């Protein structure tokens, strides 16, 4: 009897594991709670209700020069079957 009581108290004081249901989400929070989309801000708010964009946080895309490039940027959703000498030789 005493052993069961001690084990029961131990279970009550033991920390509960956090599950995905215990994580705070926008459905389980107050109306004004906004969790965000896990993206980093590109600037900050000032005291006078303005937003300052920091240039070092903006993404910098390096695009190569594509003049005289043979391929086109469009890919057709309905490609045509093109027979080449390699595919014709492998079917024989």
C-alpha atoms as a PDB file:
ATOM      1  CA  UNK A   1       0.000   0.000   0.000  1.00  0.00           C
ATOM      2  CA  UNK A   2       2.710   2.472   0.961  1.00  0.00           C
ATOM      3  CA  UNK A   3       4.772   1.513  -2.067  1.00  0.00           C
ATOM      4  CA  UNK A   4       1.824   2.208  -4.414  1.00  0.00           C
ATOM      5  CA  UNK A   5       1.287   5.596  -2.786  1.00  0.00           C
ATOM      6  CA  UNK A   6       4.940   6.535  -3.221  1.00  0.00           C
ATOM      7  CA  UNK A   7       4.940   5.412  -6.859  1.00  0.00           C
ATOM      8  CA  UNK A   8       1.765   7.396  -7.513  1.00  0.00           C
ATOM      9  CA  UNK A   9       3.286  10.562  -6.057  1.00  0.00           C
ATOM     10  CA  UNK A  10       6.426  10.005  -8.120  1.00  0.00           C
ATOM     11  CA  UNK A  11       4.363   9.783 -11.293  1.00  0.00           C
ATOM     12  CA  UNK A  12       2.502  12.970 -10.416  1.00  0.00           C
ATOM     13  CA  UNK A  13       5.675  14.991  -9.931  1.00  0.00           C
ATOM     14  CA  UNK A  14       7.512  13.554 -12.915  1.00  0.00           C
ATOM     15  CA  UNK A  15       7.784  15.944 -15.847  1.00  0.00           C
ATOM     16  CA  UNK A  16       5.423  15.295 -18.690  1.00  0.00           C
ATOM     17  CA  UNK A  17       6.977  14.904 -22.142  1.00  0.00           C
ATOM     18  CA  UNK A  18       6.073  17.603 -24.619  1.00  0.00           C
ATOM     19  CA  UNK A  19       4.131  16.341 -27.559  1.00  0.00           C
ATOM     20  CA  UNK A  20       3.052  18.109 -30.714  1.00  0.00           C
ATOM     21  CA  UNK A  21      -0.312  18.844 -29.082  1.00  0.00           C
ATOM     22  CA  UNK A  22       1.355  20.825 -26.315  1.00  0.00           C
ATOM     23  CA  UNK A  23       3.156  23.157 -28.723  1.00  0.00           C
ATOM     24  CA  UNK A  24       1.456  26.528 -28.924  1.00  0.00           C
ATOM     25  CA  UNK A  25      -0.089  27.152 -32.312  1.00  0.00           C
ATOM     26  CA  UNK A  26      -2.341  29.874 -33.635  1.00  0.00           C
ATOM     27  CA  UNK A  27      -5.369  27.598 -33.167  1.00  0.00           C
ATOM     28  CA  UNK A  28      -4.684  27.076 -29.440  1.00  0.00           C
ATOM     29  CA  UNK A  29      -3.698  30.674 -28.682  1.00  0.00           C
ATOM     30  CA  UNK A  30      -5.523  33.970 -28.205  1.00  0.00           C
ATOM     31  CA  UNK A  31      -6.983  35.743 -31.223  1.00  0.00           C
ATOM     32  CA  UNK A  32      -4.118  38.203 -31.621  1.00  0.00           C
ATOM     33  CA  UNK A  33      -1.362  35.549 -31.547  1.00  0.00           C
ATOM     34  CA  UNK A  34       0.603  35.350 -34.819  1.00  0.00           C
ATOM     35  CA  UNK A  35       3.316  32.737 -35.043  1.00  0.00           C
ATOM     36  CA  UNK A  36       4.712  33.629 -38.460  1.00  0.00           C
ATOM     37  CA  UNK A  37       6.046  31.489 -41.277  1.00  0.00           C
ATOM     38  CA  UNK A  38       9.627  30.981 -40.026  1.00  0.00           C
ATOM     39  CA  UNK A  39      11.079  33.672 -42.262  1.00  0.00           C
ATOM     40  CA  UNK A  40      13.667  36.233 -41.249  1.00  0.00           C
ATOM     41  CA  UNK A  41      12.793  39.934 -41.282  1.00  0.00           C
ATOM     42  CA  UNK A  42      14.505  42.159 -43.847  1.00  0.00           C
ATOM     43  CA  UNK A  43      14.377  45.263 -41.673  1.00  0.00           C
ATOM     44  CA  UNK A  44      13.073  46.757 -38.455  1.00  0.00           C
ATOM     45  CA  UNK A  45      10.380  49.133 -37.171  1.00  0.00           C
ATOM     46  CA  UNK A  46      11.345  52.581 -35.921  1.00  0.00           C
ATOM     47  CA  UNK A  47       9.711  54.515 -33.102  1.00  0.00           C
ATOM     48  CA  UNK A  48       7.863  56.735 -35.578  1.00  0.00           C
ATOM     49  CA  UNK A  49       6.019  53.792 -37.186  1.00  0.00           C
ATOM     50  CA  UNK A  50       8.311  53.487 -40.179  1.00  0.00           C
ATOM     51  CA  UNK A  51      10.053  50.419 -41.534  1.00  0.00           C
ATOM     52  CA  UNK A  52      13.743  50.489 -42.430  1.00  0.00           C
ATOM     53  CA  UNK A  53      14.951  47.847 -44.889  1.00  0.00           C
ATOM     54  CA  UNK A  54      18.498  46.604 -44.341  1.00  0.00           C
ATOM     55  CA  UNK A  55      20.288  45.937 -47.629  1.00  0.00           C
ATOM     56  CA  UNK A  56      22.553  43.234 -46.180  1.00  0.00           C
ATOM     57  CA  UNK A  57      19.546  41.078 -45.277  1.00  0.00           C
ATOM     58  CA  UNK A  58      18.019  41.171 -48.778  1.00  0.00           C
ATOM     59  CA  UNK A  59      18.683  38.100 -50.945  1.00  0.00           C
ATOM     60  CA  UNK A  60      21.376  38.588 -53.560  1.00  0.00           C
ATOM     61  CA  UNK A  61      20.862  36.511 -56.706  1.00  0.00           C
ATOM     62  CA  UNK A  62      23.822  35.949 -59.021  1.00  0.00           C
ATOM     63  CA  UNK A  63      22.569  35.318 -62.556  1.00  0.00           C
ATOM     64  CA  UNK A  64      25.022  34.406 -65.323  1.00  0.00           C
ATOM     65  CA  UNK A  65      24.983  36.122 -68.708  1.00  0.00           C
ATOM     66  CA  UNK A  66      22.674  34.062 -70.933  1.00  0.00           C
ATOM     67  CA  UNK A  67      23.229  35.787 -74.270  1.00  0.00           C
ATOM     68  CA  UNK A  68      23.821  33.339 -77.150  1.00  0.00           C
ATOM     69  CA  UNK A  69      22.467  30.484 -75.037  1.00  0.00           C
ATOM     70  CA  UNK A  70      20.980  27.597 -77.050  1.00  0.00           C
ATOM     71  CA  UNK A  71      18.217  26.476 -74.684  1.00  0.00           C
ATOM     72  CA  UNK A  72      14.932  28.283 -74.240  1.00  0.00           C
ATOM     73  CA  UNK A  73      13.507  29.056 -70.783  1.00  0.00           C
ATOM     74  CA  UNK A  74      10.116  27.495 -71.608  1.00  0.00           C
ATOM     75  CA  UNK A  75       9.437  23.801 -71.046  1.00  0.00           C
ATOM     76  CA  UNK A  76       6.359  22.430 -72.765  1.00  0.00           C
ATOM     77  CA  UNK A  77       3.855  20.441 -70.721  1.00  0.00           C
ATOM     78  CA  UNK A  78       3.099  18.259 -73.778  1.00  0.00           C
ATOM     79  CA  UNK A  79       6.481  17.263 -75.186  1.00  0.00           C
ATOM     80  CA  UNK A  80       6.685  15.708 -78.627  1.00  0.00           C
ATOM     81  CA  UNK A  81       8.364  12.350 -79.143  1.00  0.00           C
ATOM     82  CA  UNK A  82      11.657  12.947 -80.917  1.00  0.00           C
ATOM     83  CA  UNK A  83      13.468   9.957 -82.343  1.00  0.00           C
ATOM     84  CA  UNK A  84      17.234  10.148 -82.254  1.00  0.00           C
ATOM     85  CA  UNK A  85      19.827   7.771 -83.640  1.00  0.00           C
ATOM     86  CA  UNK A  86      20.749   6.629 -80.107  1.00  0.00           C
ATOM     87  CA  UNK A  87      17.194   5.645 -79.154  1.00  0.00           C
ATOM     88  CA  UNK A  88      16.574   3.965 -82.532  1.00  0.00           C
ATOM     89  CA  UNK A  89      19.738   1.865 -82.181  1.00  0.00           C
ATOM     90  CA  UNK A  90      18.907   0.710 -78.633  1.00  0.00           C
ATOM     91  CA  UNK A  91      15.458  -0.644 -79.598  1.00  0.00           C
ATOM     92  CA  UNK A  92      16.842  -3.059 -82.216  1.00  0.00           C
END
